[in-house]
Amino acid sequence: MGSRHIEEQLASLHRQYIE
């Protein structure tokens, strides 16, 4: 349905959070 796309966006957000 599109959960993969959401996971990719979540990873991008996590990356910014970690930085």
PDB file of N, CA and C in Angstrom:
ATOM      1  N   MET A   1       0.831  -1.198   0.000  1.00  0.00           N
ATOM      2  CA  MET A   1       0.000   0.000   0.000  1.00  0.00           C
ATOM      3  C   MET A   1       0.874   1.259   0.000  1.00  0.00           C
ATOM      4  N   GLY A   2       2.054   1.149   0.573  1.00  0.00           N
ATOM      5  CA  GLY A   2       2.945   2.321   0.567  1.00  0.00           C
ATOM      6  C   GLY A   2       3.638   2.484   1.910  1.00  0.00           C
ATOM      7  N   SER A   3       3.756   1.379   2.634  1.00  0.00           N
ATOM      8  CA  SER A   3       4.429   1.483   3.942  1.00  0.00           C
ATOM      9  C   SER A   3       5.936   1.649   3.733  1.00  0.00           C
ATOM     10  N   ARG A   4       6.426   1.160   2.597  1.00  0.00           N
ATOM     11  CA  ARG A   4       7.873   1.285   2.338  1.00  0.00           C
ATOM     12  C   ARG A   4       8.224   2.766   2.191  1.00  0.00           C
ATOM     13  N   HIS A   5       7.394   3.501   1.506  1.00  0.00           N
ATOM     14  CA  HIS A   5       7.664   4.936   1.299  1.00  0.00           C
ATOM     15  C   HIS A   5       7.688   5.650   2.645  1.00  0.00           C
ATOM     16  N   ILE A   6       6.788   5.251   3.513  1.00  0.00           N
ATOM     17  CA  ILE A   6       6.719   5.892   4.846  1.00  0.00           C
ATOM     18  C   ILE A   6       7.998   5.563   5.623  1.00  0.00           C
ATOM     19  N   GLU A   7       8.440   4.336   5.521  1.00  0.00           N
ATOM     20  CA  GLU A   7       9.664   3.949   6.259  1.00  0.00           C
ATOM     21  C   GLU A   7      10.853   4.762   5.764  1.00  0.00           C
ATOM     22  N   GLU A   8      10.905   5.011   4.483  1.00  0.00           N
ATOM     23  CA  GLU A   8      12.045   5.793   3.943  1.00  0.00           C
ATOM     24  C   GLU A   8      11.986   7.227   4.468  1.00  0.00           C
ATOM     25  N   GLN A   9      10.785   7.788   4.527  1.00  0.00           N
ATOM     26  CA  GLN A   9      10.667   9.161   5.021  1.00  0.00           C
ATOM     27  C   GLN A   9      11.002   9.204   6.512  1.00  0.00           C
ATOM     28  N   LEU A  10      10.631   8.158   7.215  1.00  0.00           N
ATOM     29  CA  LEU A  10      10.925   8.102   8.655  1.00  0.00           C
ATOM     30  C   LEU A  10      12.427   8.037   8.868  1.00  0.00           C
ATOM     31  N   ALA A  11      13.108   7.289   8.029  1.00  0.00           N
ATOM     32  CA  ALA A  11      14.571   7.168   8.153  1.00  0.00           C
ATOM     33  C   ALA A  11      15.207   8.533   7.922  1.00  0.00           C
ATOM     34  N   SER A  12      14.665   9.279   6.982  1.00  0.00           N
ATOM     35  CA  SER A  12      15.229  10.616   6.702  1.00  0.00           C
ATOM     36  C   SER A  12      15.042  11.505   7.935  1.00  0.00           C
ATOM     37  N   LEU A  13      13.899  11.406   8.559  1.00  0.00           N
ATOM     38  CA  LEU A  13      13.631  12.230   9.744  1.00  0.00           C
ATOM     39  C   LEU A  13      14.561  11.807  10.879  1.00  0.00           C
ATOM     40  N   HIS A  14      14.744  10.526  11.050  1.00  0.00           N
ATOM     41  CA  HIS A  14      15.637  10.028  12.107  1.00  0.00           C
ATOM     42  C   HIS A  14      17.046  10.540  11.882  1.00  0.00           C
ATOM     43  N   ARG A  15      17.434  10.591  10.621  1.00  0.00           N
ATOM     44  CA  ARG A  15      18.809  11.048  10.313  1.00  0.00           C
ATOM     45  C   ARG A  15      18.965  12.500  10.789  1.00  0.00           C
ATOM     46  N   GLN A  16      17.972  13.317  10.522  1.00  0.00           N
ATOM     47  CA  GLN A  16      18.067  14.725  10.930  1.00  0.00           C
ATOM     48  C   GLN A  16      18.047  14.808  12.458  1.00  0.00           C
ATOM     49  N   TYR A  17      17.284  13.937  13.085  1.00  0.00           N
ATOM     50  CA  TYR A  17      17.195  13.949  14.558  1.00  0.00           C
ATOM     51  C   TYR A  17      18.537  13.572  15.172  1.00  0.00           C
ATOM     52  N   ILE A  18      19.176  12.580  14.569  1.00  0.00           N
ATOM     53  CA  ILE A  18      20.469  12.110  15.101  1.00  0.00           C
ATOM     54  C   ILE A  18      21.520  13.202  14.955  1.00  0.00           C
ATOM     55  N   GLU A  19      21.468  13.932  13.828  1.00  0.00           N
ATOM     56  CA  GLU A  19      22.465  14.983  13.604  1.00  0.00           C
ATOM     57  C   GLU A  19      22.176  16.076  14.613  1.00  0.00           C
TER      58      GLU A  19
END
